Protein backbone atom coordinates (compact mmCIF):
# COMPACT_ATOMS: atom_id res chain seq x y z
CA MET A 1 19.52 -36.27 0.72
CA PRO A 2 18.62 -32.76 2.06
CA SER A 3 20.41 -31.47 4.95
CA LYS A 4 18.65 -30.41 8.09
CA THR A 5 18.42 -26.63 8.74
CA ALA A 6 18.29 -24.76 12.00
CA ALA A 7 14.61 -24.59 11.70
CA HIS A 8 14.26 -28.33 11.57
CA PRO A 9 17.11 -29.86 13.46
CA ASN A 10 17.14 -33.73 13.63
CA TYR A 11 16.83 -33.79 17.57
CA ILE A 12 14.92 -32.12 20.18
CA VAL A 13 16.04 -30.82 23.48
CA GLN A 14 14.18 -31.53 26.66
CA LEU A 15 14.71 -29.82 30.10
CA ILE A 16 14.70 -32.46 32.89
CA GLU A 17 13.79 -31.55 36.45
CA ASP A 18 12.84 -27.96 35.78
CA SER A 19 12.00 -26.85 39.38
CA GLY A 20 8.58 -25.57 38.51
CA LEU A 21 9.41 -23.36 35.52
CA SER A 22 6.60 -22.15 33.40
CA ALA A 23 6.01 -23.56 29.87
CA ASP A 24 7.44 -20.36 28.39
CA GLN A 25 10.58 -20.37 30.72
CA ARG A 26 11.15 -24.08 29.88
CA ALA A 27 10.80 -23.52 26.13
CA ALA A 28 13.16 -20.45 26.29
CA ALA A 29 15.68 -22.33 28.34
CA GLU A 30 15.56 -25.40 25.78
CA LEU A 31 15.89 -22.89 22.75
CA ARG A 32 19.08 -21.24 24.48
CA PHE A 33 20.63 -24.57 25.18
CA ARG A 34 20.07 -25.87 21.58
CA MET A 35 21.35 -22.50 20.07
CA ALA A 36 24.51 -22.42 22.33
CA LEU A 37 25.41 -26.13 21.57
CA GLU A 38 24.92 -25.79 17.97
CA PHE A 39 27.10 -22.72 17.99
CA ALA A 40 29.81 -24.41 19.86
CA LEU A 41 29.69 -27.56 17.65
CA GLY A 42 29.44 -25.86 14.28
CA GLY A 43 25.71 -26.03 13.51
CA PRO A 44 22.70 -28.26 14.06
CA GLU A 45 24.03 -31.00 11.62
CA TYR A 46 26.91 -31.63 14.06
CA VAL A 47 25.05 -32.07 17.39
CA LEU A 48 23.92 -35.71 17.10
CA PRO A 49 27.13 -37.03 15.50
CA SER A 50 29.20 -35.14 18.26
CA LEU A 51 27.14 -36.64 20.87
CA GLN A 52 27.43 -40.15 19.50
CA ALA A 53 31.18 -39.53 19.00
CA TYR A 54 31.32 -38.46 22.71
CA MET A 55 29.45 -41.51 24.01
CA LEU A 56 31.72 -43.83 21.92
CA ALA A 57 34.85 -41.94 23.21
CA GLN A 58 33.52 -42.30 26.82
CA ALA A 59 32.98 -46.05 26.26
CA LEU A 60 36.41 -46.48 24.70
CA ASN A 61 38.13 -44.36 27.52
CA GLU A 62 36.71 -46.73 30.31
CA PRO A 63 39.49 -49.02 31.40
CA SER A 64 38.78 -52.73 31.37
CA GLU A 65 40.67 -55.58 33.08
CA ASP A 66 42.10 -56.58 29.62
CA ASP A 67 43.51 -53.11 29.15
CA GLU A 68 45.15 -53.01 32.60
CA ALA A 69 46.72 -56.34 31.75
CA ASP A 70 47.99 -55.13 28.36
CA GLU A 71 49.33 -52.03 29.80
CA ALA A 72 51.38 -53.84 32.30
CA ALA A 73 52.78 -56.33 29.75
CA ASP A 74 53.35 -53.55 27.06
CA ASN A 75 54.38 -50.02 27.77
CA SER A 76 55.31 -49.01 24.25
CA LYS A 77 54.01 -45.73 22.70
CA GLY A 78 52.41 -45.37 19.28
CA ALA A 79 49.01 -45.60 17.53
CA ASP A 80 47.35 -46.30 20.76
CA ASP A 81 48.53 -42.89 22.27
CA ASP A 82 47.32 -40.97 19.14
CA GLU A 83 43.95 -42.82 19.51
CA ALA A 84 43.78 -42.05 23.14
CA GLY A 85 44.61 -38.33 22.38
CA GLY A 86 41.65 -38.03 19.85
CA THR A 87 39.46 -39.78 22.18
CA GLN A 88 40.19 -37.34 25.01
CA GLN A 89 39.80 -34.49 22.64
CA MET A 90 36.37 -35.49 21.69
CA ILE A 91 35.42 -35.91 25.29
CA THR A 92 36.76 -32.51 26.13
CA LEU A 93 35.02 -30.81 23.22
CA TRP A 94 31.65 -32.32 23.88
CA GLU A 95 31.94 -31.50 27.77
CA LYS A 96 32.81 -27.97 27.15
CA ALA A 97 30.14 -27.46 24.49
CA GLU A 98 27.51 -28.98 26.84
CA SER A 99 28.74 -26.97 29.89
CA ASP A 100 28.62 -23.64 28.09
CA ALA A 101 25.13 -24.54 26.84
CA ILE A 102 23.90 -25.43 30.13
CA ARG A 103 25.15 -22.18 31.56
CA ALA A 104 23.62 -20.18 28.59
CA ALA A 105 20.31 -21.80 29.13
CA LEU A 106 20.06 -21.45 32.80
CA LYS A 107 21.76 -18.26 33.66
CA PRO A 108 18.69 -15.86 32.75
CA LEU A 109 16.41 -17.93 35.02
CA SER A 110 17.85 -16.59 38.43
CA LYS A 111 16.74 -19.68 40.13
CA GLN A 112 18.68 -22.56 41.76
CA MET A 113 18.60 -25.16 39.09
CA ASP A 114 21.32 -27.67 40.35
CA GLU A 115 19.17 -30.67 39.33
CA ALA A 116 18.24 -29.34 36.05
CA ARG A 117 19.61 -31.44 33.00
CA PHE A 118 19.04 -31.42 29.18
CA GLU A 119 18.31 -34.40 27.23
CA ILE A 120 18.88 -34.62 23.47
CA VAL A 121 16.46 -36.81 21.77
CA PRO A 122 16.80 -37.85 18.11
CA VAL A 123 13.90 -37.14 15.86
CA LYS A 124 12.83 -40.05 13.61
CA VAL A 125 12.28 -38.93 9.93
């Protein structure tokens, strides 16, 4: 199976709540976001897997009532600590990459863009 290239990533980036940007400004911001995110994560082929891993890590990191009961009953350390550390690393990696990409995308616009968000949408092939 051929790999995706930077010219044809397997996702698109959409700027949400753009505060009245022109089409060219929007496209340029989306491109800056995509380029910065790909750079931070190691290339376009790592964006979707990293996003999926981040979302899974977030879901696994949310405490449930069962977790709290288990924690109270068993305070032993071991494999669960290693798993939690890896989960937290994935969360931290994605959040830093995304934050840096947002800054790179919006900084040149010199507008107040507090409500602007970027959405990553997988492309069906």
